[in-house]
């Protein structure tokens, strides 16, 4: 006969944990330690895996989770909310850390697109220009980290942000800057204002997106993939 323990919501067989009647009688102190350490790890891993595929249980939402730093998740996978700390940790350990996610995204600024990405005036324009009045708010497009904020040749002033998918955003010709290098920002956070500094023919924002190698890519196409129409 197998030894087991039954609770209100599950049944755990001691044989599953490598515990027989002989080990139970021969070393009760060792059995107790095994049950304390193996059970949470076993249940935590199962619950974490269920959460990763969108099957988080009602019990998970009953406990308040310990605050942790945001995790970049693969596209299409969302972190379950209000998990107990041990399940939250187990889930984060199971999720891939190398694939950066694509979270919430917003327009960098409201206004009119006056110049697109591509050939312009005998050279290549590496971003899009969005015109509006000086002082119009400029927003972080995604969650990210500020790499630079200050004077820049040609732009007068710029803000460079490492975005949540590993790309780098350039916000050029800004008038005011409200962030500093090393600061974490959230999508929709006001980071500056539209200006007319540097090589500019009128107040506008130059928004540029560079891939992980530092090569400019089409920001209009990049924004469209994130559901944003500039």
C-alpha atoms as a PDB file:
ATOM      1  CA  UNK A   1       0.000   0.000   0.000  1.00  0.00           C
ATOM      2  CA  UNK A   2       1.438   3.415  -0.899  1.00  0.00           C
ATOM      3  CA  UNK A   3       1.621   6.075   1.749  1.00  0.00           C
ATOM      4  CA  UNK A   4       0.041   9.403   0.878  1.00  0.00           C
ATOM      5  CA  UNK A   5      -1.199  12.637   2.281  1.00  0.00           C
ATOM      6  CA  UNK A   6      -4.464  14.193   1.065  1.00  0.00           C
ATOM      7  CA  UNK A   7      -5.275  17.908   1.313  1.00  0.00           C
ATOM      8  CA  UNK A   8      -8.279  19.923   0.144  1.00  0.00           C
ATOM      9  CA  UNK A   9      -6.824  20.537  -3.277  1.00  0.00           C
ATOM     10  CA  UNK A  10      -4.242  17.861  -4.045  1.00  0.00           C
ATOM     11  CA  UNK A  11      -2.868  14.431  -3.214  1.00  0.00           C
ATOM     12  CA  UNK A  12       0.864  13.924  -2.974  1.00  0.00           C
ATOM     13  CA  UNK A  13       2.175  10.349  -2.840  1.00  0.00           C
ATOM     14  CA  UNK A  14       5.173   9.938  -0.562  1.00  0.00           C
ATOM     15  CA  UNK A  15       6.483   7.295  -2.952  1.00  0.00           C
ATOM     16  CA  UNK A  16       6.747  10.058  -5.553  1.00  0.00           C
ATOM     17  CA  UNK A  17       9.236  11.733  -3.237  1.00  0.00           C
ATOM     18  CA  UNK A  18      11.255   8.530  -2.775  1.00  0.00           C
ATOM     19  CA  UNK A  19       9.850   7.817   0.695  1.00  0.00           C
ATOM     20  CA  UNK A  20       8.932   4.227   1.628  1.00  0.00           C
ATOM     21  CA  UNK A  21       7.603   2.820   4.857  1.00  0.00           C
ATOM     22  CA  UNK A  22      11.168   1.721   5.750  1.00  0.00           C
ATOM     23  CA  UNK A  23      12.696   5.145   5.299  1.00  0.00           C
ATOM     24  CA  UNK A  24       9.771   6.657   7.152  1.00  0.00           C
ATOM     25  CA  UNK A  25      10.406   4.476  10.181  1.00  0.00           C
ATOM     26  CA  UNK A  26      14.223   4.540   9.977  1.00  0.00           C
ATOM     27  CA  UNK A  27      14.725   8.243   9.661  1.00  0.00           C
ATOM     28  CA  UNK A  28      11.733  10.398  10.514  1.00  0.00           C
ATOM     29  CA  UNK A  29      13.851  13.564  10.807  1.00  0.00           C
ATOM     30  CA  UNK A  30      15.174  13.053   7.260  1.00  0.00           C
ATOM     31  CA  UNK A  31      11.687  12.435   5.889  1.00  0.00           C
ATOM     32  CA  UNK A  32      10.378  15.645   7.405  1.00  0.00           C
ATOM     33  CA  UNK A  33      13.199  17.654   5.830  1.00  0.00           C
ATOM     34  CA  UNK A  34      12.579  16.009   2.443  1.00  0.00           C
ATOM     35  CA  UNK A  35       8.896  16.841   2.540  1.00  0.00           C
ATOM     36  CA  UNK A  36       9.546  20.489   3.432  1.00  0.00           C
ATOM     37  CA  UNK A  37      12.058  21.059   0.646  1.00  0.00           C
ATOM     38  CA  UNK A  38      10.781  18.852  -2.170  1.00  0.00           C
ATOM     39  CA  UNK A  39       7.094  19.701  -1.935  1.00  0.00           C
ATOM     40  CA  UNK A  40       7.324  23.504  -2.517  1.00  0.00           C
ATOM     41  CA  UNK A  41       9.835  23.005  -5.344  1.00  0.00           C
ATOM     42  CA  UNK A  42       7.614  20.378  -7.003  1.00  0.00           C
ATOM     43  CA  UNK A  43       4.393  22.372  -6.629  1.00  0.00           C
ATOM     44  CA  UNK A  44       6.137  25.646  -7.487  1.00  0.00           C
ATOM     45  CA  UNK A  45       7.563  24.303 -10.742  1.00  0.00           C
ATOM     46  CA  UNK A  46       4.212  22.873 -11.809  1.00  0.00           C
ATOM     47  CA  UNK A  47       2.340  26.065 -10.953  1.00  0.00           C
ATOM     48  CA  UNK A  48       4.976  28.184 -12.694  1.00  0.00           C
ATOM     49  CA  UNK A  49       4.712  26.114 -15.863  1.00  0.00           C
ATOM     50  CA  UNK A  50       0.920  26.395 -15.755  1.00  0.00           C
ATOM     51  CA  UNK A  51       1.209  30.159 -15.366  1.00  0.00           C
ATOM     52  CA  UNK A  52       3.525  30.380 -18.373  1.00  0.00           C
ATOM     53  CA  UNK A  53       0.880  28.863 -20.639  1.00  0.00           C
ATOM     54  CA  UNK A  54      -1.943  30.964 -19.200  1.00  0.00           C
ATOM     55  CA  UNK A  55      -3.381  28.408 -16.768  1.00  0.00           C
ATOM     56  CA  UNK A  56      -2.675  30.188 -13.477  1.00  0.00           C
ATOM     57  CA  UNK A  57      -4.924  28.846 -10.726  1.00  0.00           C
ATOM     58  CA  UNK A  58      -7.276  30.746  -8.459  1.00  0.00           C
ATOM     59  CA  UNK A  59      -5.009  30.063  -5.485  1.00  0.00           C
ATOM     60  CA  UNK A  60      -2.245  32.080  -7.133  1.00  0.00           C
ATOM     61  CA  UNK A  61      -4.381  35.229  -7.188  1.00  0.00           C
ATOM     62  CA  UNK A  62      -5.207  34.977  -3.486  1.00  0.00           C
ATOM     63  CA  UNK A  63      -1.690  35.842  -2.323  1.00  0.00           C
ATOM     64  CA  UNK A  64       0.143  39.112  -2.802  1.00  0.00           C
ATOM     65  CA  UNK A  65       3.338  38.768  -4.803  1.00  0.00           C
ATOM     66  CA  UNK A  66       6.653  40.157  -3.639  1.00  0.00           C
ATOM     67  CA  UNK A  67       7.556  43.156  -5.873  1.00  0.00           C
ATOM     68  CA  UNK A  68      10.217  42.258  -8.387  1.00  0.00           C
ATOM     69  CA  UNK A  69      11.863  44.006 -11.336  1.00  0.00           C
ATOM     70  CA  UNK A  70       9.956  43.801 -14.647  1.00  0.00           C
ATOM     71  CA  UNK A  71      10.912  40.836 -16.815  1.00  0.00           C
ATOM     72  CA  UNK A  72      11.178  41.055 -20.581  1.00  0.00           C
ATOM     73  CA  UNK A  73       9.007  38.212 -21.850  1.00  0.00           C
ATOM     74  CA  UNK A  74       8.813  36.554 -25.248  1.00  0.00           C
ATOM     75  CA  UNK A  75       6.169  38.021 -27.533  1.00  0.00           C
ATOM     76  CA  UNK A  76       2.709  36.669 -26.733  1.00  0.00           C
ATOM     77  CA  UNK A  77       3.585  35.606 -23.161  1.00  0.00           C
ATOM     78  CA  UNK A  78       2.339  37.677 -20.242  1.00  0.00           C
ATOM     79  CA  UNK A  79       3.484  37.400 -16.646  1.00  0.00           C
ATOM     80  CA  UNK A  80       0.645  36.163 -14.375  1.00  0.00           C
ATOM     81  CA  UNK A  81      -0.312  38.716 -11.736  1.00  0.00           C
ATOM     82  CA  UNK A  82      -0.426  38.357  -7.926  1.00  0.00           C
ATOM     83  CA  UNK A  83       1.562  35.135  -7.715  1.00  0.00           C
ATOM     84  CA  UNK A  84       2.983  34.049  -4.353  1.00  0.00           C
ATOM     85  CA  UNK A  85       6.698  34.940  -4.199  1.00  0.00           C
ATOM     86  CA  UNK A  86       7.955  31.365  -4.591  1.00  0.00           C
ATOM     87  CA  UNK A  87       5.801  30.775  -7.700  1.00  0.00           C
ATOM     88  CA  UNK A  88       6.769  34.143  -9.165  1.00  0.00           C
ATOM     89  CA  UNK A  89      10.447  33.249  -8.804  1.00  0.00           C
ATOM     90  CA  UNK A  90       9.963  29.766 -10.271  1.00  0.00           C
ATOM     91  CA  UNK A  91       8.125  31.178 -13.299  1.00  0.00           C
ATOM     92  CA  UNK A  92      10.821  33.757 -13.962  1.00  0.00           C
ATOM     93  CA  UNK A  93      13.449  31.010 -13.801  1.00  0.00           C
ATOM     94  CA  UNK A  94      11.575  28.932 -16.372  1.00  0.00           C
ATOM     95  CA  UNK A  95      10.998  31.726 -18.904  1.00  0.00           C
ATOM     96  CA  UNK A  96      13.722  32.393 -21.510  1.00  0.00           C
ATOM     97  CA  UNK A  97      15.931  35.321 -20.502  1.00  0.00           C
ATOM     98  CA  UNK A  98      17.570  35.800 -23.902  1.00  0.00           C
ATOM     99  CA  UNK A  99      14.441  36.719 -25.888  1.00  0.00           C
ATOM    100  CA  UNK A 100      13.458  40.295 -25.207  1.00  0.00           C
ATOM    101  CA  UNK A 101       9.760  40.988 -25.150  1.00  0.00           C
ATOM    102  CA  UNK A 102       7.574  43.530 -26.867  1.00  0.00           C
ATOM    103  CA  UNK A 103       5.383  45.255 -24.340  1.00  0.00           C
ATOM    104  CA  UNK A 104       3.145  48.291 -24.436  1.00  0.00           C
ATOM    105  CA  UNK A 105       4.153  50.986 -26.950  1.00  0.00           C
ATOM    106  CA  UNK A 106       2.968  54.548 -27.599  1.00  0.00           C
ATOM    107  CA  UNK A 107       3.582  57.316 -30.121  1.00  0.00           C
ATOM    108  CA  UNK A 108       6.750  59.311 -29.417  1.00  0.00           C
ATOM    109  CA  UNK A 109       4.875  62.582 -29.969  1.00  0.00           C
ATOM    110  CA  UNK A 110       1.628  63.926 -31.384  1.00  0.00           C
ATOM    111  CA  UNK A 111       1.943  65.862 -34.603  1.00  0.00           C
ATOM    112  CA  UNK A 112       2.290  65.667 -38.375  1.00  0.00           C
ATOM    113  CA  UNK A 113       4.865  63.498 -40.128  1.00  0.00           C
ATOM    114  CA  UNK A 114       6.793  65.877 -42.391  1.00  0.00           C
ATOM    115  CA  UNK A 115       9.652  63.595 -43.434  1.00  0.00           C
ATOM    116  CA  UNK A 116       9.864  59.803 -43.607  1.00  0.00           C
ATOM    117  CA  UNK A 117      12.691  57.297 -43.428  1.00  0.00           C
ATOM    118  CA  UNK A 118      14.803  56.881 -46.567  1.00  0.00           C
ATOM    119  CA  UNK A 119      16.430  58.960 -49.284  1.00  0.00           C
ATOM    120  CA  UNK A 120      16.256  62.719 -48.772  1.00  0.00           C
ATOM    121  CA  UNK A 121      18.255  65.586 -50.273  1.00  0.00           C
ATOM    122  CA  UNK A 122      20.885  63.296 -51.764  1.00  0.00           C
ATOM    123  CA  UNK A 123      21.480  61.353 -48.556  1.00  0.00           C
ATOM    124  CA  UNK A 124      19.565  58.996 -46.272  1.00  0.00           C
ATOM    125  CA  UNK A 125      17.220  60.257 -43.576  1.00  0.00           C
ATOM    126  CA  UNK A 126      17.560  57.723 -40.765  1.00  0.00           C
ATOM    127  CA  UNK A 127      14.342  58.548 -38.911  1.00  0.00           C
ATOM    128  CA  UNK A 128      10.958  60.179 -39.187  1.00  0.00           C
ATOM    129  CA  UNK A 129      10.253  63.835 -38.458  1.00  0.00           C
ATOM    130  CA  UNK A 130       7.048  64.706 -36.608  1.00  0.00           C
ATOM    131  CA  UNK A 131       6.259  68.418 -36.505  1.00  0.00           C
ATOM    132  CA  UNK A 132       4.461  70.211 -33.707  1.00  0.00           C
ATOM    133  CA  UNK A 133       4.831  73.328 -31.581  1.00  0.00           C
ATOM    134  CA  UNK A 134       7.866  73.860 -29.382  1.00  0.00           C
ATOM    135  CA  UNK A 135       7.101  72.479 -25.939  1.00  0.00           C
ATOM    136  CA  UNK A 136       4.873  69.612 -27.147  1.00  0.00           C
ATOM    137  CA  UNK A 137       5.484  66.584 -24.886  1.00  0.00           C
ATOM    138  CA  UNK A 138       7.794  63.808 -26.106  1.00  0.00           C
ATOM    139  CA  UNK A 139       7.169  60.338 -24.690  1.00  0.00           C
ATOM    140  CA  UNK A 140       9.166  57.165 -24.162  1.00  0.00           C
ATOM    141  CA  UNK A 141       7.800  54.743 -26.764  1.00  0.00           C
ATOM    142  CA  UNK A 142       8.412  51.600 -24.681  1.00  0.00           C
ATOM    143  CA  UNK A 143       9.767  50.720 -21.275  1.00  0.00           C
ATOM    144  CA  UNK A 144      13.510  51.146 -21.368  1.00  0.00           C
ATOM    145  CA  UNK A 145      16.657  52.775 -20.049  1.00  0.00           C
ATOM    146  CA  UNK A 146      18.094  56.176 -20.917  1.00  0.00           C
ATOM    147  CA  UNK A 147      21.542  55.892 -22.494  1.00  0.00           C
ATOM    148  CA  UNK A 148      22.208  59.600 -23.128  1.00  0.00           C
ATOM    149  CA  UNK A 149      20.397  62.864 -22.557  1.00  0.00           C
ATOM    150  CA  UNK A 150      21.977  66.159 -23.534  1.00  0.00           C
ATOM    151  CA  UNK A 151      23.843  68.030 -26.297  1.00  0.00           C
ATOM    152  CA  UNK A 152      24.406  66.211 -29.600  1.00  0.00           C
ATOM    153  CA  UNK A 153      25.961  67.334 -32.870  1.00  0.00           C
ATOM    154  CA  UNK A 154      23.356  68.094 -35.539  1.00  0.00           C
ATOM    155  CA  UNK A 155      20.449  67.522 -33.162  1.00  0.00           C
ATOM    156  CA  UNK A 156      21.155  70.353 -30.733  1.00  0.00           C
ATOM    157  CA  UNK A 157      19.956  68.086 -27.954  1.00  0.00           C
ATOM    158  CA  UNK A 158      18.891  64.479 -27.988  1.00  0.00           C
ATOM    159  CA  UNK A 159      17.692  61.644 -25.774  1.00  0.00           C
ATOM    160  CA  UNK A 160      18.773  58.065 -26.502  1.00  0.00           C
ATOM    161  CA  UNK A 161      16.792  55.226 -24.936  1.00  0.00           C
ATOM    162  CA  UNK A 162      17.425  51.471 -25.008  1.00  0.00           C
ATOM    163  CA  UNK A 163      13.938  50.159 -25.788  1.00  0.00           C
ATOM    164  CA  UNK A 164      12.368  46.977 -24.452  1.00  0.00           C
ATOM    165  CA  UNK A 165      13.311  44.827 -27.477  1.00  0.00           C
ATOM    166  CA  UNK A 166      16.991  45.824 -27.477  1.00  0.00           C
ATOM    167  CA  UNK A 167      16.688  48.554 -30.112  1.00  0.00           C
ATOM    168  CA  UNK A 168      17.863  52.109 -29.407  1.00  0.00           C
ATOM    169  CA  UNK A 169      15.578  55.096 -29.904  1.00  0.00           C
ATOM    170  CA  UNK A 170      16.917  58.538 -30.790  1.00  0.00           C
ATOM    171  CA  UNK A 171      14.787  61.581 -29.937  1.00  0.00           C
ATOM    172  CA  UNK A 172      16.409  64.537 -31.666  1.00  0.00           C
ATOM    173  CA  UNK A 173      16.076  68.358 -31.636  1.00  0.00           C
ATOM    174  CA  UNK A 174      14.397  68.302 -28.202  1.00  0.00           C
ATOM    175  CA  UNK A 175      13.962  71.559 -26.308  1.00  0.00           C
ATOM    176  CA  UNK A 176      13.652  70.324 -22.726  1.00  0.00           C
ATOM    177  CA  UNK A 177      14.974  67.103 -21.210  1.00  0.00           C
ATOM    178  CA  UNK A 178      13.334  65.534 -18.153  1.00  0.00           C
ATOM    179  CA  UNK A 179      15.441  62.371 -17.800  1.00  0.00           C
ATOM    180  CA  UNK A 180      19.096  61.491 -17.291  1.00  0.00           C
ATOM    181  CA  UNK A 181      21.467  58.738 -18.372  1.00  0.00           C
ATOM    182  CA  UNK A 182      20.895  55.486 -16.483  1.00  0.00           C
ATOM    183  CA  UNK A 183      17.291  56.278 -15.628  1.00  0.00           C
ATOM    184  CA  UNK A 184      14.593  53.682 -16.296  1.00  0.00           C
ATOM    185  CA  UNK A 185      11.531  54.965 -18.138  1.00  0.00           C
ATOM    186  CA  UNK A 186       8.100  53.559 -18.876  1.00  0.00           C
ATOM    187  CA  UNK A 187       6.115  53.631 -22.102  1.00  0.00           C
ATOM    188  CA  UNK A 188       4.151  56.889 -22.232  1.00  0.00           C
ATOM    189  CA  UNK A 189       6.390  58.667 -19.721  1.00  0.00           C
ATOM    190  CA  UNK A 190       7.157  62.288 -20.613  1.00  0.00           C
ATOM    191  CA  UNK A 191      10.895  62.490 -21.247  1.00  0.00           C
ATOM    192  CA  UNK A 192      11.232  65.826 -23.050  1.00  0.00           C
ATOM    193  CA  UNK A 193       9.595  68.381 -25.334  1.00  0.00           C
ATOM    194  CA  UNK A 194       9.666  69.213 -29.023  1.00  0.00           C
ATOM    195  CA  UNK A 195      12.285  71.791 -30.004  1.00  0.00           C
ATOM    196  CA  UNK A 196      13.971  73.472 -32.951  1.00  0.00           C
ATOM    197  CA  UNK A 197      17.599  72.977 -31.995  1.00  0.00           C
ATOM    198  CA  UNK A 198      20.503  71.888 -34.166  1.00  0.00           C
ATOM    199  CA  UNK A 199      20.095  71.428 -37.916  1.00  0.00           C
ATOM    200  CA  UNK A 200      16.364  72.030 -38.040  1.00  0.00           C
ATOM    201  CA  UNK A 201      13.998  73.938 -40.330  1.00  0.00           C
ATOM    202  CA  UNK A 202      11.211  74.163 -37.754  1.00  0.00           C
ATOM    203  CA  UNK A 203      10.034  72.684 -34.443  1.00  0.00           C
ATOM    204  CA  UNK A 204       9.758  68.924 -34.739  1.00  0.00           C
ATOM    205  CA  UNK A 205      10.881  65.633 -33.243  1.00  0.00           C
ATOM    206  CA  UNK A 206      13.308  63.395 -35.110  1.00  0.00           C
ATOM    207  CA  UNK A 207      12.550  59.828 -33.989  1.00  0.00           C
ATOM    208  CA  UNK A 208      14.999  57.153 -35.047  1.00  0.00           C
ATOM    209  CA  UNK A 209      15.290  53.434 -34.274  1.00  0.00           C
ATOM    210  CA  UNK A 210      18.599  51.557 -34.389  1.00  0.00           C
ATOM    211  CA  UNK A 211      18.968  47.792 -34.183  1.00  0.00           C
ATOM    212  CA  UNK A 212      21.281  46.065 -31.699  1.00  0.00           C
ATOM    213  CA  UNK A 213      24.220  46.617 -34.077  1.00  0.00           C
ATOM    214  CA  UNK A 214      23.554  50.380 -34.156  1.00  0.00           C
ATOM    215  CA  UNK A 215      22.197  50.377 -37.719  1.00  0.00           C
ATOM    216  CA  UNK A 216      19.133  52.594 -38.347  1.00  0.00           C
ATOM    217  CA  UNK A 217      15.980  50.733 -39.369  1.00  0.00           C
ATOM    218  CA  UNK A 218      12.653  52.047 -40.651  1.00  0.00           C
ATOM    219  CA  UNK A 219      10.941  53.460 -37.538  1.00  0.00           C
ATOM    220  CA  UNK A 220       7.561  53.656 -39.271  1.00  0.00           C
ATOM    221  CA  UNK A 221       7.597  49.897 -39.943  1.00  0.00           C
ATOM    222  CA  UNK A 222       8.937  49.221 -36.441  1.00  0.00           C
ATOM    223  CA  UNK A 223       6.169  51.293 -34.845  1.00  0.00           C
ATOM    224  CA  UNK A 224       3.505  49.668 -37.014  1.00  0.00           C
ATOM    225  CA  UNK A 225       4.557  46.213 -35.776  1.00  0.00           C
ATOM    226  CA  UNK A 226       3.987  47.505 -32.249  1.00  0.00           C
ATOM    227  CA  UNK A 227       0.493  48.745 -33.154  1.00  0.00           C
ATOM    228  CA  UNK A 228       1.523  52.416 -33.247  1.00  0.00           C
ATOM    229  CA  UNK A 229       0.693  54.745 -36.120  1.00  0.00           C
ATOM    230  CA  UNK A 230       2.845  57.909 -35.999  1.00  0.00           C
END
